[in-house]
Amino acid sequence: MSTSHQTHDHELIRKWTEKRKGIPAKIKGTGKSDEEGVLRIHFPEHSKSDNFEEISWDDFFIDFDKNKLDFLYQDKKADGEESTFHKFVARE
């Protein structure tokens, strides 16, 4: 059985992401300017897309907090394998 968790703890999000070889990113061309864009956690080993622009953790968390987001994530899949499932949701 897989279980999802929700947090806005920066250190937990960073550790979860880095353990899975993910990077903080924005999707190119999704903002009003080059500095803006939709936040994502990108896993380069699982995607060949060049639509992602890596950003610093500081920049990531500035936007994350400004938009009052929480990080919904899963540690393990139902089969016990490590999961990369995550999404951003509105902070309650």
PDB file of N, CA and C in Angstrom:
ATOM      1  N   MET A   1       0.838  -1.185   0.000  1.00  0.00           N
ATOM      2  CA  MET A   1       0.000   0.000   0.000  1.00  0.00           C
ATOM      3  C   MET A   1       0.880   1.244   0.000  1.00  0.00           C
ATOM      4  N   SER A   2       0.535   2.213  -0.808  1.00  0.00           N
ATOM      5  CA  SER A   2       1.294   3.467  -0.855  1.00  0.00           C
ATOM      6  C   SER A   2       0.541   4.539  -0.082  1.00  0.00           C
ATOM      7  N   THR A   3       1.301   5.436   0.518  1.00  0.00           N
ATOM      8  CA  THR A   3       0.717   6.509   1.312  1.00  0.00           C
ATOM      9  C   THR A   3       1.295   7.832   0.843  1.00  0.00           C
ATOM     10  N   SER A   4       0.459   8.850   0.760  1.00  0.00           N
ATOM     11  CA  SER A   4       0.914  10.188   0.406  1.00  0.00           C
ATOM     12  C   SER A   4       1.049  11.039   1.654  1.00  0.00           C
ATOM     13  N   HIS A   5       1.971  11.986   1.597  1.00  0.00           N
ATOM     14  CA  HIS A   5       2.207  12.916   2.688  1.00  0.00           C
ATOM     15  C   HIS A   5       2.170  14.323   2.115  1.00  0.00           C
ATOM     16  N   GLN A   6       1.931  15.300   2.972  1.00  0.00           N
ATOM     17  CA  GLN A   6       1.879  16.691   2.540  1.00  0.00           C
ATOM     18  C   GLN A   6       2.708  17.545   3.491  1.00  0.00           C
ATOM     19  N   THR A   7       3.520  18.447   2.919  1.00  0.00           N
ATOM     20  CA  THR A   7       4.377  19.295   3.739  1.00  0.00           C
ATOM     21  C   THR A   7       4.719  20.585   3.009  1.00  0.00           C
ATOM     22  N   HIS A   8       5.195  21.564   3.765  1.00  0.00           N
ATOM     23  CA  HIS A   8       5.835  22.735   3.163  1.00  0.00           C
ATOM     24  C   HIS A   8       7.200  22.955   3.824  1.00  0.00           C
ATOM     25  N   ASP A   9       7.707  21.919   4.486  1.00  0.00           N
ATOM     26  CA  ASP A   9       9.022  21.953   5.112  1.00  0.00           C
ATOM     27  C   ASP A   9      10.109  21.918   4.031  1.00  0.00           C
ATOM     28  N   HIS A  10      10.838  22.999   3.902  1.00  0.00           N
ATOM     29  CA  HIS A  10      11.838  23.128   2.837  1.00  0.00           C
ATOM     30  C   HIS A  10      12.881  22.023   2.867  1.00  0.00           C
ATOM     31  N   GLU A  11      13.408  21.720   4.041  1.00  0.00           N
ATOM     32  CA  GLU A  11      14.482  20.727   4.140  1.00  0.00           C
ATOM     33  C   GLU A  11      13.981  19.333   3.768  1.00  0.00           C
ATOM     34  N   LEU A  12      12.778  18.990   4.178  1.00  0.00           N
ATOM     35  CA  LEU A  12      12.202  17.695   3.825  1.00  0.00           C
ATOM     36  C   LEU A  12      11.995  17.579   2.316  1.00  0.00           C
ATOM     37  N   ILE A  13      11.502  18.629   1.698  1.00  0.00           N
ATOM     38  CA  ILE A  13      11.284  18.634   0.247  1.00  0.00           C
ATOM     39  C   ILE A  13      12.615  18.482  -0.482  1.00  0.00           C
ATOM     40  N   ARG A  14      13.599  19.213  -0.041  1.00  0.00           N
ATOM     41  CA  ARG A  14      14.920  19.168  -0.672  1.00  0.00           C
ATOM     42  C   ARG A  14      15.536  17.767  -0.548  1.00  0.00           C
ATOM     43  N   LYS A  15      15.488  17.190   0.647  1.00  0.00           N
ATOM     44  CA  LYS A  15      16.064  15.850   0.854  1.00  0.00           C
ATOM     45  C   LYS A  15      15.333  14.798   0.029  1.00  0.00           C
ATOM     46  N   TRP A  16      13.996  14.853   0.006  1.00  0.00           N
ATOM     47  CA  TRP A  16      13.206  13.896  -0.774  1.00  0.00           C
ATOM     48  C   TRP A  16      13.609  13.975  -2.245  1.00  0.00           C
ATOM     49  N   THR A  17      13.705  15.191  -2.750  1.00  0.00           N
ATOM     50  CA  THR A  17      14.031  15.422  -4.157  1.00  0.00           C
ATOM     51  C   THR A  17      15.442  14.952  -4.492  1.00  0.00           C
ATOM     52  N   GLU A  18      16.413  15.351  -3.690  1.00  0.00           N
ATOM     53  CA  GLU A  18      17.810  15.009  -3.972  1.00  0.00           C
ATOM     54  C   GLU A  18      18.070  13.507  -3.851  1.00  0.00           C
ATOM     55  N   LYS A  19      17.367  12.831  -2.941  1.00  0.00           N
ATOM     56  CA  LYS A  19      17.508  11.381  -2.805  1.00  0.00           C
ATOM     57  C   LYS A  19      17.115  10.681  -4.099  1.00  0.00           C
ATOM     58  N   ARG A  20      16.194  11.268  -4.840  1.00  0.00           N
ATOM     59  CA  ARG A  20      15.691  10.688  -6.086  1.00  0.00           C
ATOM     60  C   ARG A  20      16.353  11.308  -7.320  1.00  0.00           C
ATOM     61  N   LYS A  21      17.421  12.076  -7.094  1.00  0.00           N
ATOM     62  CA  LYS A  21      18.187  12.736  -8.164  1.00  0.00           C
ATOM     63  C   LYS A  21      17.351  13.740  -8.949  1.00  0.00           C
ATOM     64  N   GLY A  22      16.444  14.417  -8.227  1.00  0.00           N
ATOM     65  CA  GLY A  22      15.637  15.460  -8.836  1.00  0.00           C
ATOM     66  C   GLY A  22      16.275  16.822  -8.642  1.00  0.00           C
ATOM     67  N   ILE A  23      15.793  17.783  -9.400  1.00  0.00           N
ATOM     68  CA  ILE A  23      16.290  19.158  -9.311  1.00  0.00           C
ATOM     69  C   ILE A  23      15.108  20.133  -9.326  1.00  0.00           C
ATOM     70  N   PRO A  24      15.261  21.280  -8.649  1.00  0.00           N
ATOM     71  CA  PRO A  24      14.216  22.303  -8.730  1.00  0.00           C
ATOM     72  C   PRO A  24      14.256  22.941 -10.114  1.00  0.00           C
ATOM     73  N   ALA A  25      13.088  23.191 -10.668  1.00  0.00           N
ATOM     74  CA  ALA A  25      13.042  23.711 -12.037  1.00  0.00           C
ATOM     75  C   ALA A  25      11.772  24.521 -12.265  1.00  0.00           C
ATOM     76  N   LYS A  26      11.803  25.239 -13.390  1.00  0.00           N
ATOM     77  CA  LYS A  26      10.618  25.903 -13.933  1.00  0.00           C
ATOM     78  C   LYS A  26      10.441  25.406 -15.353  1.00  0.00           C
ATOM     79  N   ILE A  27       9.196  25.437 -15.819  1.00  0.00           N
ATOM     80  CA  ILE A  27       8.933  25.059 -17.205  1.00  0.00           C
ATOM     81  C   ILE A  27       9.103  26.298 -18.061  1.00  0.00           C
ATOM     82  N   LYS A  28       9.996  26.215 -19.038  1.00  0.00           N
ATOM     83  CA  LYS A  28      10.280  27.343 -19.916  1.00  0.00           C
ATOM     84  C   LYS A  28       9.029  27.776 -20.671  1.00  0.00           C
ATOM     85  N   GLY A  29       8.882  29.093 -20.812  1.00  0.00           N
ATOM     86  CA  GLY A  29       7.807  29.647 -21.628  1.00  0.00           C
ATOM     87  C   GLY A  29       6.435  29.639 -20.978  1.00  0.00           C
ATOM     88  N   THR A  30       6.368  29.423 -19.664  1.00  0.00           N
ATOM     89  CA  THR A  30       5.058  29.371 -19.006  1.00  0.00           C
ATOM     90  C   THR A  30       4.797  30.585 -18.122  1.00  0.00           C
ATOM     91  N   GLY A  31       5.665  31.587 -18.203  1.00  0.00           N
ATOM     92  CA  GLY A  31       5.476  32.794 -17.408  1.00  0.00           C
ATOM     93  C   GLY A  31       5.390  34.023 -18.276  1.00  0.00           C
ATOM     94  N   LYS A  32       5.152  35.159 -17.650  1.00  0.00           N
ATOM     95  CA  LYS A  32       5.068  36.427 -18.370  1.00  0.00           C
ATOM     96  C   LYS A  32       6.442  36.941 -18.772  1.00  0.00           C
ATOM     97  N   SER A  33       7.474  36.465 -18.069  1.00  0.00           N
ATOM     98  CA  SER A  33       8.845  36.856 -18.395  1.00  0.00           C
ATOM     99  C   SER A  33       9.754  35.638 -18.242  1.00  0.00           C
ATOM    100  N   ASP A  34      11.026  35.799 -18.598  1.00  0.00           N
ATOM    101  CA  ASP A  34      11.969  34.691 -18.472  1.00  0.00           C
ATOM    102  C   ASP A  34      12.182  34.265 -17.026  1.00  0.00           C
ATOM    103  N   GLU A  35      11.954  35.186 -16.089  1.00  0.00           N
ATOM    104  CA  GLU A  35      12.160  34.864 -14.678  1.00  0.00           C
ATOM    105  C   GLU A  35      10.991  34.076 -14.090  1.00  0.00           C
ATOM    106  N   GLU A  36       9.864  34.079 -14.768  1.00  0.00           N
ATOM    107  CA  GLU A  36       8.681  33.398 -14.265  1.00  0.00           C
ATOM    108  C   GLU A  36       8.502  32.061 -14.971  1.00  0.00           C
ATOM    109  N   GLY A  37       7.691  31.221 -14.378  1.00  0.00           N
ATOM    110  CA  GLY A  37       7.381  29.934 -14.979  1.00  0.00           C
ATOM    111  C   GLY A  37       6.782  29.005 -13.941  1.00  0.00           C
ATOM    112  N   VAL A  38       6.150  27.953 -14.415  1.00  0.00           N
ATOM    113  CA  VAL A  38       5.521  26.976 -13.538  1.00  0.00           C
ATOM    114  C   VAL A  38       6.600  26.166 -12.824  1.00  0.00           C
ATOM    115  N   LEU A  39       6.493  26.088 -11.488  1.00  0.00           N
ATOM    116  CA  LEU A  39       7.453  25.324 -10.694  1.00  0.00           C
ATOM    117  C   LEU A  39       7.280  23.829 -10.920  1.00  0.00           C
ATOM    118  N   ARG A  40       8.404  23.143 -10.915  1.00  0.00           N
ATOM    119  CA  ARG A  40       8.410  21.685 -11.035  1.00  0.00           C
ATOM    120  C   ARG A  40       9.604  21.121 -10.291  1.00  0.00           C
ATOM    121  N   ILE A  41       9.498  19.846  -9.959  1.00  0.00           N
ATOM    122  CA  ILE A  41      10.662  19.054  -9.584  1.00  0.00           C
ATOM    123  C   ILE A  41      10.924  18.197 -10.813  1.00  0.00           C
ATOM    124  N   HIS A  42      12.105  18.305 -11.358  1.00  0.00           N
ATOM    125  CA  HIS A  42      12.447  17.595 -12.594  1.00  0.00           C
ATOM    126  C   HIS A  42      13.390  16.441 -12.261  1.00  0.00           C
ATOM    127  N   PHE A  43      13.147  15.310 -12.890  1.00  0.00           N
ATOM    128  CA  PHE A  43      13.986  14.127 -12.722  1.00  0.00           C
ATOM    129  C   PHE A  43      14.637  13.830 -14.071  1.00  0.00           C
ATOM    130  N   PRO A  44      15.819  14.412 -14.328  1.00  0.00           N
ATOM    131  CA  PRO A  44      16.463  14.267 -15.631  1.00  0.00           C
ATOM    132  C   PRO A  44      16.666  12.824 -16.081  1.00  0.00           C
ATOM    133  N   GLU A  45      16.865  11.911 -15.142  1.00  0.00           N
ATOM    134  CA  GLU A  45      17.063  10.509 -15.521  1.00  0.00           C
ATOM    135  C   GLU A  45      15.799   9.876 -16.099  1.00  0.00           C
ATOM    136  N   HIS A  46      14.641  10.479 -15.842  1.00  0.00           N
ATOM    137  CA  HIS A  46      13.369   9.923 -16.293  1.00  0.00           C
ATOM    138  C   HIS A  46      12.742  10.715 -17.434  1.00  0.00           C
ATOM    139  N   SER A  47      13.382  11.819 -17.849  1.00  0.00           N
ATOM    140  CA  SER A  47      12.792  12.670 -18.878  1.00  0.00           C
ATOM    141  C   SER A  47      13.876  13.273 -19.752  1.00  0.00           C
ATOM    142  N   LYS A  48      13.656  13.226 -21.038  1.00  0.00           N
ATOM    143  CA  LYS A  48      14.605  13.816 -21.998  1.00  0.00           C
ATOM    144  C   LYS A  48      14.165  15.226 -22.410  1.00  0.00           C
ATOM    145  N   SER A  49      13.096  15.729 -21.826  1.00  0.00           N
ATOM    146  CA  SER A  49      12.544  17.024 -22.201  1.00  0.00           C
ATOM    147  C   SER A  49      13.532  18.155 -21.920  1.00  0.00           C
ATOM    148  N   ASP A  50      13.592  19.113 -22.835  1.00  0.00           N
ATOM    149  CA  ASP A  50      14.426  20.294 -22.616  1.00  0.00           C
ATOM    150  C   ASP A  50      13.564  21.506 -22.254  1.00  0.00           C
ATOM    151  N   ASN A  51      12.319  21.251 -21.829  1.00  0.00           N
ATOM    152  CA  ASN A  51      11.417  22.329 -21.422  1.00  0.00           C
ATOM    153  C   ASN A  51      11.653  22.794 -19.997  1.00  0.00           C
ATOM    154  N   PHE A  52      12.547  22.103 -19.282  1.00  0.00           N
ATOM    155  CA  PHE A  52      12.806  22.442 -17.894  1.00  0.00           C
ATOM    156  C   PHE A  52      14.061  23.298 -17.773  1.00  0.00           C
ATOM    157  N   GLU A  53      13.966  24.307 -16.924  1.00  0.00           N
ATOM    158  CA  GLU A  53      15.115  25.160 -16.637  1.00  0.00           C
ATOM    159  C   GLU A  53      15.435  25.008 -15.153  1.00  0.00           C
ATOM    160  N   GLU A  54      16.625  24.500 -14.856  1.00  0.00           N
ATOM    161  CA  GLU A  54      17.018  24.322 -13.465  1.00  0.00           C
ATOM    162  C   GLU A  54      17.138  25.682 -12.779  1.00  0.00           C
ATOM    163  N   ILE A  55      16.655  25.751 -11.545  1.00  0.00           N
ATOM    164  CA  ILE A  55      16.762  26.975 -10.750  1.00  0.00           C
ATOM    165  C   ILE A  55      17.365  26.609  -9.390  1.00  0.00           C
ATOM    166  N   SER A  56      17.786  27.609  -8.658  1.00  0.00           N
ATOM    167  CA  SER A  56      18.354  27.356  -7.332  1.00  0.00           C
ATOM    168  C   SER A  56      17.245  26.976  -6.357  1.00  0.00           C
ATOM    169  N   TRP A  57      17.637  26.294  -5.293  1.00  0.00           N
ATOM    170  CA  TRP A  57      16.670  25.984  -4.244  1.00  0.00           C
ATOM    171  C   TRP A  57      16.124  27.275  -3.632  1.00  0.00           C
ATOM    172  N   ASP A  58      16.966  28.286  -3.469  1.00  0.00           N
ATOM    173  CA  ASP A  58      16.489  29.556  -2.902  1.00  0.00           C
ATOM    174  C   ASP A  58      15.376  30.143  -3.760  1.00  0.00           C
ATOM    175  N   ASP A  59      15.586  30.216  -5.075  1.00  0.00           N
ATOM    176  CA  ASP A  59      14.561  30.749  -5.983  1.00  0.00           C
ATOM    177  C   ASP A  59      13.307  29.874  -5.971  1.00  0.00           C
ATOM    178  N   PHE A  60      13.506  28.568  -5.942  1.00  0.00           N
ATOM    179  CA  PHE A  60      12.383  27.639  -5.902  1.00  0.00           C
ATOM    180  C   PHE A  60      11.502  27.914  -4.681  1.00  0.00           C
ATOM    181  N   PHE A  61      12.132  28.001  -3.503  1.00  0.00           N
ATOM    182  CA  PHE A  61      11.352  28.170  -2.275  1.00  0.00           C
ATOM    183  C   PHE A  61      10.757  29.574  -2.132  1.00  0.00           C
ATOM    184  N   ILE A  62      11.362  30.573  -2.749  1.00  0.00           N
ATOM    185  CA  ILE A  62      10.745  31.907  -2.765  1.00  0.00           C
ATOM    186  C   ILE A  62       9.403  31.825  -3.480  1.00  0.00           C
ATOM    187  N   ASP A  63       9.376  31.215  -4.662  1.00  0.00           N
ATOM    188  CA  ASP A  63       8.120  31.077  -5.419  1.00  0.00           C
ATOM    189  C   ASP A  63       7.152  30.126  -4.722  1.00  0.00           C
ATOM    190  N   PHE A  64       7.675  29.035  -4.183  1.00  0.00           N
ATOM    191  CA  PHE A  64       6.865  28.046  -3.476  1.00  0.00           C
ATOM    192  C   PHE A  64       6.093  28.707  -2.333  1.00  0.00           C
ATOM    193  N   ASP A  65       6.792  29.508  -1.527  1.00  0.00           N
ATOM    194  CA  ASP A  65       6.152  30.180  -0.393  1.00  0.00           C
ATOM    195  C   ASP A  65       5.257  31.336  -0.837  1.00  0.00           C
ATOM    196  N   LYS A  66       5.708  32.099  -1.850  1.00  0.00           N
ATOM    197  CA  LYS A  66       4.910  33.219  -2.348  1.00  0.00           C
ATOM    198  C   LYS A  66       3.544  32.743  -2.844  1.00  0.00           C
ATOM    199  N   ASN A  67       3.531  31.559  -3.435  1.00  0.00           N
ATOM    200  CA  ASN A  67       2.290  30.992  -3.971  1.00  0.00           C
ATOM    201  C   ASN A  67       1.550  30.114  -2.964  1.00  0.00           C
ATOM    202  N   LYS A  68       2.049  30.088  -1.723  1.00  0.00           N
ATOM    203  CA  LYS A  68       1.418  29.338  -0.627  1.00  0.00           C
ATOM    204  C   LYS A  68       1.118  27.895  -1.036  1.00  0.00           C
ATOM    205  N   LEU A  69       2.187  27.207  -1.463  1.00  0.00           N
ATOM    206  CA  LEU A  69       2.044  25.827  -1.904  1.00  0.00           C
ATOM    207  C   LEU A  69       2.462  24.838  -0.820  1.00  0.00           C
ATOM    208  N   ASP A  70       1.920  23.648  -0.915  1.00  0.00           N
ATOM    209  CA  ASP A  70       2.362  22.491  -0.158  1.00  0.00           C
ATOM    210  C   ASP A  70       2.855  21.463  -1.165  1.00  0.00           C
ATOM    211  N   PHE A  71       3.668  20.555  -0.681  1.00  0.00           N
ATOM    212  CA  PHE A  71       4.256  19.500  -1.492  1.00  0.00           C
ATOM    213  C   PHE A  71       3.578  18.193  -1.092  1.00  0.00           C
ATOM    214  N   LEU A  72       2.819  17.612  -1.999  1.00  0.00           N
ATOM    215  CA  LEU A  72       2.177  16.326  -1.787  1.00  0.00           C
ATOM    216  C   LEU A  72       3.080  15.291  -2.444  1.00  0.00           C
ATOM    217  N   TYR A  73       3.490  14.279  -1.690  1.00  0.00           N
ATOM    218  CA  TYR A  73       4.465  13.339  -2.212  1.00  0.00           C
ATOM    219  C   TYR A  73       4.228  11.935  -1.670  1.00  0.00           C
ATOM    220  N   GLN A  74       4.880  10.991  -2.330  1.00  0.00           N
ATOM    221  CA  GLN A  74       4.784   9.591  -1.967  1.00  0.00           C
ATOM    222  C   GLN A  74       6.205   9.055  -1.804  1.00  0.00           C
ATOM    223  N   ASP A  75       6.474   8.329  -0.726  1.00  0.00           N
ATOM    224  CA  ASP A  75       7.796   7.737  -0.529  1.00  0.00           C
ATOM    225  C   ASP A  75       7.982   6.464  -1.333  1.00  0.00           C
ATOM    226  N   LYS A  76       6.976   5.605  -1.294  1.00  0.00           N
ATOM    227  CA  LYS A  76       7.064   4.296  -1.959  1.00  0.00           C
ATOM    228  C   LYS A  76       5.804   4.037  -2.775  1.00  0.00           C
ATOM    229  N   LYS A  77       5.989   3.329  -3.884  1.00  0.00           N
ATOM    230  CA  LYS A  77       4.855   2.872  -4.682  1.00  0.00           C
ATOM    231  C   LYS A  77       4.201   1.693  -3.966  1.00  0.00           C
ATOM    232  N   ALA A  78       3.049   1.272  -4.451  1.00  0.00           N
ATOM    233  CA  ALA A  78       2.336   0.148  -3.846  1.00  0.00           C
ATOM    234  C   ALA A  78       3.187  -1.117  -3.829  1.00  0.00           C
ATOM    235  N   ASP A  79       4.080  -1.266  -4.822  1.00  0.00           N
ATOM    236  CA  ASP A  79       4.933  -2.459  -4.883  1.00  0.00           C
ATOM    237  C   ASP A  79       6.187  -2.341  -4.010  1.00  0.00           C
ATOM    238  N   GLY A  80       6.319  -1.215  -3.281  1.00  0.00           N
ATOM    239  CA  GLY A  80       7.463  -1.023  -2.396  1.00  0.00           C
ATOM    240  C   GLY A  80       8.632  -0.295  -3.034  1.00  0.00           C
ATOM    241  N   GLU A  81       8.582  -0.093  -4.344  1.00  0.00           N
ATOM    242  CA  GLU A  81       9.652   0.622  -5.058  1.00  0.00           C
ATOM    243  C   GLU A  81       9.602   2.113  -4.710  1.00  0.00           C
ATOM    244  N   GLU A  82      10.772   2.754  -4.694  1.00  0.00           N
ATOM    245  CA  GLU A  82      10.839   4.185  -4.404  1.00  0.00           C
ATOM    246  C   GLU A  82      10.021   4.970  -5.428  1.00  0.00           C
ATOM    247  N   SER A  83       9.260   5.943  -4.960  1.00  0.00           N
ATOM    248  CA  SER A  83       8.362   6.717  -5.815  1.00  0.00           C
ATOM    249  C   SER A  83       8.908   8.124  -6.060  1.00  0.00           C
ATOM    250  N   THR A  84       8.614   8.644  -7.234  1.00  0.00           N
ATOM    251  CA  THR A  84       8.892  10.051  -7.537  1.00  0.00           C
ATOM    252  C   THR A  84       7.586  10.838  -7.667  1.00  0.00           C
ATOM    253  N   PHE A  85       6.468  10.203  -7.309  1.00  0.00           N
ATOM    254  CA  PHE A  85       5.181  10.896  -7.406  1.00  0.00           C
ATOM    255  C   PHE A  85       5.159  12.090  -6.459  1.00  0.00           C
ATOM    256  N   HIS A  86       4.741  13.217  -7.009  1.00  0.00           N
ATOM    257  CA  HIS A  86       4.590  14.446  -6.213  1.00  0.00           C
ATOM    258  C   HIS A  86       3.719  15.411  -7.003  1.00  0.00           C
ATOM    259  N   LYS A  87       3.176  16.373  -6.303  1.00  0.00           N
ATOM    260  CA  LYS A  87       2.511  17.503  -6.958  1.00  0.00           C
ATOM    261  C   LYS A  87       2.428  18.639  -5.959  1.00  0.00           C
ATOM    262  N   PHE A  88       2.206  19.817  -6.479  1.00  0.00           N
ATOM    263  CA  PHE A  88       2.059  20.996  -5.644  1.00  0.00           C
ATOM    264  C   PHE A  88       0.567  21.256  -5.470  1.00  0.00           C
ATOM    265  N   VAL A  89       0.173  21.531  -4.235  1.00  0.00           N
ATOM    266  CA  VAL A  89      -1.215  21.816  -3.922  1.00  0.00           C
ATOM    267  C   VAL A  89      -1.285  23.086  -3.092  1.00  0.00           C
ATOM    268  N   ALA A  90      -2.449  23.703  -3.059  1.00  0.00           N
ATOM    269  CA  ALA A  90      -2.642  24.909  -2.267  1.00  0.00           C
ATOM    270  C   ALA A  90      -2.494  24.585  -0.791  1.00  0.00           C
ATOM    271  N   ARG A  91      -1.752  25.425  -0.097  1.00  0.00           N
ATOM    272  CA  ARG A  91      -1.563  25.267   1.344  1.00  0.00           C
ATOM    273  C   ARG A  91      -2.853  25.656   2.044  1.00  0.00           C
ATOM    274  N   GLU A  92      -3.263  24.850   2.976  1.00  0.00           N
ATOM    275  CA  GLU A  92      -4.510  25.132   3.707  1.00  0.00           C
ATOM    276  C   GLU A  92      -4.231  25.871   4.983  1.00  0.00           C
TER     277      GLU A  92
END
